[in-house]
Amino acid sequence: MTDRRSNVTKIEYYEFLGVSRDCSDQELKTAYRRLAMQYHPDRNPSNPEAEEKFKQASEAYQVLSDPQKRAAYDRYGHAGAGGSGFEGVAGADVGDIFGDFFGEMFNMGGGRRNGRAQRGRDIRYDLSLEFEEAVFGKQTEIQVRRAEVCSDCRGTGAPAGRGPETCKQCAGRGQVRYQQGFFSIARTCPICNGSGQVITDPCQTCNGAGLTERRHTISVSVPAGVEDGTRIRYQGEGDAGRAGGPKGDLYIVLAVRPHAFFERDGNDLHCVVFVSFPQVALGAEIHVPTLEGNTVLRIHEGTQTGKEYRLRGKGVPHLNNHGRGDLVVQIVVQTPKKFSKAQRELIRQLGETMHIENTPTSRNLLGKMKDLFS
């Protein structure tokens, strides 16, 4: 559509906002908010095209959000809506449309955020454990550095008897307003950071921060059965909060060192024990290791390599519960690389009495056997 007086092509409001002519007020508001966010000058600095689109979106919303102007526009077009020029956004309640959304994104409605009570930061501490310590638990002490309320100013940031003063830049409001073209924007005051107050004579101990960093000793109880990567939370043992805010938490992250031969699978332990051919052929009693010392395992006659024996209750305790997992012992027959002359003769004689067919097997089984021996 072209305005006859200015000979400037005008936008079609519904088409520009991407809504139908019978759209609801909420649909209209949502469409305007989307375009305004997309073309807002703060997001498109030094972009005249984006600024123009932002103005056009505001113009369209100003007309269509007013029932009388919308009815006139629907009937007579731009002539009925009040002419050709952009008339600003006086008729549009921008604060109602955007609320805190613009305030968070562009810092337009910050208020005195930094003057409010703020929760302290959480602290992470990495604690290394031996394999056995993770299985059976451990009591230990650690030292952490954390922020605590300054004992001299008691967290105010100012010396005793002297409090903060009202910020002259924002007159205590925590905000300063800037005029950006036709749009008025409120930003957090850069002097007081939104608190509305400034400290002209800061505490010498904390330099006005209200917090000081100190080393603190904490007793840690590691329960039996923890795994690598387990996090233990100590509530209120993190940094102190600002302006009377609550303390953060301490998170202890456990790093468990691997064992020399035990591997953990949940609450079960696994290990491999090498035995001789006579032991698996005739059966035998052997000593196998556990986390609490050696125990006797009886190997059945004719046991094949790869056979697994399960020792009940010799594994890892269940975390925060009763009972323990098992120890799974895998038997692998170890073949000597060298034999004496007498041994070779005995093996030869034994071989003559044994009749084993060399039956082919699948490659999958062969691969499993390779993994077993590796």
Protein backbone atom coordinates (compact mmCIF):
# COMPACT_ATOMS: atom_id res chain seq x y z
CA MET A 1 0.00 0.00 0.00
CA THR A 2 1.37 3.50 -0.91
CA ASP A 3 0.59 6.71 0.97
CA ARG A 4 -0.41 9.40 -1.59
CA ARG A 5 0.99 12.27 0.50
CA SER A 6 4.47 10.88 1.12
CA ASN A 7 4.70 8.39 -1.72
CA VAL A 8 6.26 5.92 0.78
CA THR A 9 5.30 2.25 0.69
CA LYS A 10 3.48 1.37 3.92
CA ILE A 11 3.53 -2.06 5.54
CA GLU A 12 0.38 -4.12 5.82
CA TYR A 13 0.09 -4.48 9.61
CA TYR A 14 -1.37 -7.98 9.81
CA GLU A 15 1.01 -9.33 7.21
CA PHE A 16 4.03 -7.70 8.84
CA LEU A 17 3.18 -9.14 12.26
CA GLY A 18 2.40 -12.52 10.73
CA VAL A 19 -1.14 -12.83 12.14
CA SER A 20 -4.58 -13.24 10.63
CA ARG A 21 -7.09 -10.41 10.48
CA ASP A 22 -9.25 -12.13 13.10
CA CYS A 23 -6.40 -12.80 15.53
CA SER A 24 -6.96 -12.44 19.27
CA ASP A 25 -5.33 -9.81 21.47
CA GLN A 26 -2.99 -12.45 22.91
CA GLU A 27 -1.93 -13.64 19.46
CA LEU A 28 -1.28 -10.04 18.50
CA LYS A 29 0.78 -9.41 21.60
CA THR A 30 2.82 -12.59 21.09
CA ALA A 31 3.58 -11.71 17.47
CA TYR A 32 4.65 -8.18 18.39
CA ARG A 33 6.84 -9.42 21.21
CA ARG A 34 8.59 -11.87 18.88
CA LEU A 35 9.41 -9.21 16.28
CA ALA A 36 10.37 -6.61 18.87
CA MET A 37 12.83 -9.02 20.44
CA GLN A 38 14.24 -9.90 17.02
CA TYR A 39 14.78 -6.30 15.86
CA HIS A 40 15.39 -4.53 19.18
CA PRO A 41 18.21 -1.95 18.84
CA ASP A 42 20.16 -3.47 21.71
CA ARG A 43 20.40 -6.72 19.79
CA ASN A 44 21.14 -5.02 16.48
CA PRO A 45 23.50 -2.11 17.20
CA SER A 46 24.29 0.18 14.26
CA ASN A 47 21.74 -1.60 12.07
CA PRO A 48 19.33 0.96 10.57
CA GLU A 49 17.27 -1.72 8.82
CA ALA A 50 16.61 -3.58 12.09
CA GLU A 51 15.74 -0.30 13.84
CA GLU A 52 13.26 0.53 11.10
CA LYS A 53 11.62 -2.89 11.40
CA PHE A 54 11.40 -2.41 15.16
CA LYS A 55 9.60 0.89 14.60
CA GLN A 56 7.26 -0.71 12.07
CA ALA A 57 6.39 -3.53 14.46
CA SER A 58 5.66 -0.99 17.21
CA GLU A 59 3.53 1.06 14.80
CA ALA A 60 1.55 -1.99 13.77
CA TYR A 61 0.94 -3.04 17.35
CA GLN A 62 -0.04 0.47 18.42
CA VAL A 63 -2.80 0.54 15.83
CA LEU A 64 -4.06 -3.05 16.08
CA SER A 65 -4.01 -3.17 19.89
CA ASP A 66 -6.47 -0.23 20.01
CA PRO A 67 -10.00 -1.50 19.23
CA GLN A 68 -11.10 1.77 17.60
CA LYS A 69 -7.95 2.19 15.52
CA ARG A 70 -8.06 -1.47 14.52
CA ALA A 71 -11.66 -1.18 13.36
CA ALA A 72 -10.82 1.94 11.35
CA TYR A 73 -7.77 0.25 9.82
CA ASP A 74 -9.78 -2.84 8.91
CA ARG A 75 -12.31 -0.63 7.10
CA TYR A 76 -10.21 2.17 5.58
CA GLY A 77 -6.60 0.95 5.75
CA HIS A 78 -3.85 3.39 6.74
CA ALA A 79 -6.02 6.39 6.05
CA GLY A 80 -8.46 5.24 8.71
CA ALA A 81 -5.68 4.43 11.20
CA GLY A 82 -4.49 8.01 11.35
CA GLY A 83 -2.38 8.85 8.35
CA SER A 84 1.00 7.77 7.11
CA GLY A 85 3.64 8.78 9.61
CA PHE A 86 4.94 6.76 12.52
CA GLU A 87 3.41 8.14 15.72
CA GLY A 88 5.49 6.38 18.33
CA VAL A 89 4.36 3.74 20.82
CA ALA A 90 2.47 5.90 23.27
CA GLY A 91 -0.58 3.72 22.91
CA ALA A 92 1.29 0.47 23.54
CA ASP A 93 2.02 -0.67 27.06
CA VAL A 94 5.53 -1.99 26.47
CA GLY A 95 6.09 -2.76 30.14
CA ASP A 96 2.99 -4.93 30.19
CA ILE A 97 4.08 -6.75 27.04
CA PHE A 98 7.63 -7.58 28.00
CA GLY A 99 7.54 -7.58 31.79
CA ASP A 100 10.73 -8.97 33.27
CA PHE A 101 11.76 -10.62 30.01
CA PHE A 102 13.42 -7.50 28.58
CA GLY A 103 14.59 -6.65 32.07
CA GLU A 104 16.61 -9.86 32.26
CA MET A 105 17.86 -9.78 28.70
CA PHE A 106 18.71 -6.09 28.33
CA ASN A 107 18.98 -5.21 32.03
CA MET A 108 16.04 -2.82 31.65
CA GLY A 109 14.21 -3.53 34.90
CA GLY A 110 16.88 -4.61 37.27
CA GLY A 111 15.77 -2.70 40.32
CA ARG A 112 17.99 -3.23 43.33
CA ARG A 113 18.94 -6.79 42.50
CA ASN A 114 22.46 -6.62 43.83
CA GLY A 115 21.21 -5.13 47.09
CA ARG A 116 19.06 -8.15 47.85
CA ALA A 117 20.21 -11.16 49.80
CA GLN A 118 22.18 -13.49 47.57
CA ARG A 119 22.92 -17.15 48.18
CA GLY A 120 26.57 -18.06 48.51
CA ARG A 121 28.35 -20.04 45.81
CA ASP A 122 28.70 -23.81 45.94
CA ILE A 123 32.20 -25.26 46.36
CA ARG A 124 33.61 -28.40 44.75
CA TYR A 125 36.33 -30.50 46.37
CA ASP A 126 37.89 -33.51 44.61
CA LEU A 127 38.80 -36.30 47.04
CA SER A 128 40.95 -39.23 45.90
CA LEU A 129 40.35 -42.66 47.45
CA GLU A 130 42.09 -45.98 47.28
CA PHE A 131 39.96 -48.84 45.97
CA GLU A 132 39.63 -50.41 49.42
CA GLU A 133 38.62 -47.05 50.98
CA ALA A 134 35.75 -46.74 48.53
CA VAL A 135 34.63 -50.30 49.32
CA PHE A 136 34.80 -50.11 53.11
CA GLY A 137 34.37 -46.37 53.71
CA LYS A 138 36.66 -43.81 55.28
CA GLN A 139 36.73 -41.02 57.85
CA THR A 140 38.99 -38.11 56.96
CA GLU A 141 39.40 -34.36 57.26
CA ILE A 142 39.76 -31.92 54.41
CA GLN A 143 40.58 -28.22 54.22
CA VAL A 144 38.67 -25.90 51.91
CA ARG A 145 38.96 -22.20 51.23
CA ARG A 146 35.61 -20.47 51.36
CA ALA A 147 34.17 -16.98 51.65
CA GLU A 148 32.94 -16.05 55.11
CA VAL A 149 31.26 -12.94 56.48
CA CYS A 150 33.87 -10.33 57.39
CA SER A 151 34.23 -10.26 61.15
CA ASP A 152 35.13 -6.55 61.21
CA CYS A 153 32.26 -5.06 59.20
CA ARG A 154 29.85 -8.00 59.71
CA GLY A 155 29.16 -8.17 56.01
CA THR A 156 28.19 -4.54 55.45
CA GLY A 157 31.42 -3.64 53.63
CA ALA A 158 31.74 -0.47 55.69
CA PRO A 159 33.65 0.10 58.96
CA ALA A 160 31.77 -0.23 62.22
CA GLY A 161 29.55 2.79 62.84
CA ARG A 162 29.55 3.83 59.19
CA GLY A 163 26.99 2.45 56.81
CA PRO A 164 26.60 2.77 53.04
CA GLU A 165 25.31 6.02 51.52
CA THR A 166 22.60 6.63 48.96
CA CYS A 167 23.93 6.45 45.42
CA LYS A 168 23.94 9.93 43.86
CA GLN A 169 23.94 8.60 40.32
CA CYS A 170 20.53 6.92 40.61
CA ALA A 171 19.24 8.63 43.77
CA GLY A 172 18.92 5.26 45.46
CA ARG A 173 16.63 3.75 42.81
CA GLY A 174 19.22 1.29 41.54
CA GLN A 175 18.40 2.25 37.95
CA VAL A 176 19.29 4.96 35.49
CA ARG A 177 17.24 5.68 32.40
CA TYR A 178 18.61 6.28 28.93
CA GLN A 179 16.84 7.64 25.87
CA GLN A 180 17.62 5.55 22.79
CA GLY A 181 15.83 7.15 19.88
CA PHE A 182 12.14 6.96 20.67
CA PHE A 183 12.62 4.23 23.29
CA SER A 184 13.37 4.87 26.96
CA ILE A 185 15.45 2.13 28.57
CA ALA A 186 16.14 1.60 32.27
CA ARG A 187 19.46 0.00 33.11
CA THR A 188 21.13 -1.10 36.31
CA CYS A 189 23.10 1.77 37.78
CA PRO A 190 26.80 1.28 36.94
CA ILE A 191 27.92 3.03 40.12
CA CYS A 192 26.02 1.05 42.76
CA ASN A 193 25.37 -2.06 40.61
CA GLY A 194 21.66 -1.83 41.32
CA SER A 195 21.87 -1.71 45.11
CA GLY A 196 20.98 1.98 45.38
CA GLN A 197 23.80 2.43 47.87
CA VAL A 198 27.54 3.01 47.69
CA ILE A 199 30.31 2.57 50.24
CA THR A 200 32.53 5.65 50.26
CA ASP A 201 34.80 4.39 53.07
CA PRO A 202 35.19 0.62 52.57
CA CYS A 203 36.21 -1.81 55.28
CA GLN A 204 39.98 -2.27 55.26
CA THR A 205 39.73 -5.99 55.99
CA CYS A 206 37.48 -7.01 53.09
CA ASN A 207 37.88 -3.92 50.86
CA GLY A 208 34.13 -3.35 50.98
CA ALA A 209 33.19 -6.82 49.75
CA GLY A 210 31.67 -7.85 53.09
CA LEU A 211 33.31 -11.29 52.71
CA THR A 212 36.78 -12.65 53.37
CA GLU A 213 38.31 -15.94 52.23
CA ARG A 214 39.44 -18.32 54.96
CA ARG A 215 40.63 -21.91 55.26
CA HIS A 216 38.20 -24.24 57.00
CA THR A 217 38.61 -27.84 58.19
CA ILE A 218 35.68 -30.21 57.60
CA SER A 219 35.29 -33.79 58.82
CA VAL A 220 34.18 -36.04 55.94
CA SER A 221 32.53 -39.42 56.32
CA VAL A 222 32.77 -41.53 53.16
CA PRO A 223 30.19 -44.36 53.36
CA ALA A 224 31.09 -47.91 52.35
CA GLY A 225 30.28 -48.87 48.78
CA VAL A 226 30.76 -45.51 47.01
CA GLU A 227 31.80 -45.50 43.36
CA ASP A 228 34.05 -43.33 41.26
CA GLY A 229 32.33 -40.00 40.56
CA THR A 230 30.03 -40.15 43.61
CA ARG A 231 29.12 -36.69 44.98
CA ILE A 232 28.65 -36.08 48.68
CA ARG A 233 26.77 -32.88 49.56
CA TYR A 234 27.38 -30.92 52.76
CA GLN A 235 24.63 -28.34 53.03
CA GLY A 236 25.67 -24.87 54.16
CA GLU A 237 29.41 -25.57 53.96
CA GLY A 238 29.97 -23.43 50.84
CA ASP A 239 30.61 -19.70 50.50
CA ALA A 240 28.70 -17.29 52.72
CA GLY A 241 25.87 -15.35 51.12
CA ARG A 242 25.78 -11.61 50.58
CA ALA A 243 23.46 -9.22 52.39
CA GLY A 244 22.39 -11.95 54.78
CA GLY A 245 21.78 -14.56 52.09
CA PRO A 246 22.13 -18.28 52.89
CA LYS A 247 25.39 -20.16 52.51
CA GLY A 248 26.13 -22.32 49.50
CA ASP A 249 26.84 -26.03 49.67
CA LEU A 250 30.02 -28.09 49.54
CA TYR A 251 30.14 -30.92 47.00
CA ILE A 252 32.83 -33.55 47.50
CA VAL A 253 33.46 -35.47 44.28
CA LEU A 254 35.13 -38.86 44.79
CA ALA A 255 37.84 -40.18 42.48
CA VAL A 256 38.55 -43.88 43.13
CA ARG A 257 41.90 -45.30 42.04
CA PRO A 258 41.75 -48.63 40.17
CA HIS A 259 42.78 -51.87 41.87
CA ALA A 260 45.74 -53.96 40.80
CA PHE A 261 43.59 -56.95 39.75
CA PHE A 262 40.01 -56.50 40.98
CA GLU A 263 37.48 -54.94 38.64
CA ARG A 264 34.19 -53.62 39.92
CA ASP A 265 30.81 -54.16 38.29
CA GLY A 266 28.17 -52.58 40.47
CA ASN A 267 28.53 -54.34 43.82
CA ASP A 268 30.32 -57.36 42.36
CA LEU A 269 34.07 -57.80 42.03
CA HIS A 270 35.76 -59.72 39.24
CA CYS A 271 39.23 -61.23 38.99
CA VAL A 272 41.10 -63.83 36.94
CA VAL A 273 43.09 -66.69 38.55
CA PHE A 274 45.56 -68.81 36.56
CA VAL A 275 45.71 -72.54 37.32
CA SER A 276 47.55 -75.55 35.91
CA PHE A 277 46.12 -78.29 33.72
CA PRO A 278 46.34 -80.96 36.46
CA GLN A 279 44.38 -78.73 38.83
CA VAL A 280 41.43 -78.29 36.47
CA ALA A 281 41.67 -81.89 35.21
CA LEU A 282 41.65 -83.58 38.61
CA GLY A 283 40.12 -80.86 40.74
CA ALA A 284 41.94 -78.98 43.49
CA GLU A 285 41.64 -76.51 46.34
CA ILE A 286 43.40 -73.21 45.67
CA HIS A 287 43.77 -69.93 47.53
CA VAL A 288 42.22 -66.89 45.84
CA PRO A 289 42.54 -63.26 46.97
CA THR A 290 39.70 -61.18 48.38
CA LEU A 291 39.69 -57.64 49.77
CA GLU A 292 39.88 -59.17 53.25
CA GLY A 293 42.65 -61.70 52.61
CA ASN A 294 42.88 -65.09 50.89
CA THR A 295 40.11 -67.64 50.92
CA VAL A 296 39.88 -71.27 49.75
CA LEU A 297 38.18 -72.06 46.43
CA ARG A 298 37.50 -75.66 45.41
CA ILE A 299 37.90 -76.26 41.67
CA HIS A 300 35.76 -79.07 40.33
CA GLU A 301 37.23 -81.92 38.36
CA GLY A 302 37.12 -81.26 34.61
CA THR A 303 36.79 -77.48 34.94
CA GLN A 304 37.20 -75.72 31.59
CA THR A 305 39.18 -72.54 31.09
CA GLY A 306 36.93 -69.51 31.39
CA LYS A 307 34.76 -71.13 34.07
CA GLU A 308 33.49 -68.62 36.66
CA TYR A 309 33.07 -69.33 40.37
CA ARG A 310 30.98 -66.96 42.48
CA LEU A 311 31.95 -66.35 46.12
CA ARG A 312 28.88 -64.98 47.85
CA GLY A 313 29.22 -61.88 50.04
CA LYS A 314 32.86 -61.21 49.11
CA GLY A 315 32.11 -58.16 46.97
CA VAL A 316 31.26 -54.52 47.69
CA PRO A 317 28.82 -53.49 50.45
CA HIS A 318 25.54 -52.05 49.23
CA LEU A 319 25.63 -48.26 49.65
CA ASN A 320 23.45 -47.17 52.58
CA ASN A 321 21.97 -50.64 52.79
CA HIS A 322 22.60 -54.12 54.14
CA GLY A 323 24.34 -56.91 52.31
CA ARG A 324 27.25 -57.18 49.92
CA GLY A 325 27.88 -58.17 46.36
CA ASP A 326 29.84 -61.24 45.22
CA LEU A 327 33.37 -61.99 44.08
CA VAL A 328 33.41 -63.63 40.65
CA VAL A 329 36.59 -65.65 40.02
CA GLN A 330 37.33 -66.66 36.43
CA ILE A 331 39.57 -69.69 35.92
CA VAL A 332 42.17 -69.61 33.14
CA VAL A 333 44.43 -72.59 32.43
CA GLN A 334 48.04 -71.51 32.10
CA THR A 335 50.22 -73.59 29.76
CA PRO A 336 53.95 -73.58 30.55
CA LYS A 337 56.23 -72.48 27.71
CA LYS A 338 59.08 -74.87 28.60
CA PHE A 339 59.11 -78.50 29.81
CA SER A 340 61.82 -80.82 31.05
CA LYS A 341 62.55 -84.01 29.16
CA ALA A 342 60.71 -86.09 31.73
CA GLN A 343 57.70 -83.80 31.63
CA ARG A 344 57.54 -83.93 27.85
CA GLU A 345 57.55 -87.72 27.96
CA LEU A 346 54.73 -87.80 30.49
CA ILE A 347 52.66 -85.37 28.46
CA ARG A 348 53.25 -87.43 25.32
CA GLN A 349 52.10 -90.59 27.08
CA LEU A 350 49.03 -88.80 28.40
CA GLY A 351 48.22 -87.49 24.95
CA GLU A 352 48.27 -91.00 23.53
CA THR A 353 45.56 -92.03 26.00
CA MET A 354 43.30 -89.06 25.28
CA HIS A 355 41.06 -88.82 22.23
CA ILE A 356 39.84 -85.22 21.68
CA GLU A 357 38.37 -84.26 18.33
CA ASN A 358 39.66 -80.95 16.97
CA THR A 359 36.19 -79.66 16.20
CA PRO A 360 36.04 -76.22 14.49
CA THR A 361 34.23 -73.43 16.31
CA SER A 362 32.88 -70.00 15.37
CA ARG A 363 34.99 -66.88 15.12
CA ASN A 364 32.84 -65.24 17.80
CA LEU A 365 33.94 -67.80 20.36
CA LEU A 366 37.51 -67.41 19.22
CA GLY A 367 37.30 -63.68 19.73
CA LYS A 368 35.93 -64.19 23.23
CA MET A 369 38.83 -66.45 24.06
CA LYS A 370 41.29 -63.84 22.80
CA ASP A 371 39.68 -61.22 25.00
CA LEU A 372 39.87 -63.61 27.92
CA PHE A 373 43.61 -64.15 27.59
CA SER A 374 44.37 -60.52 26.82
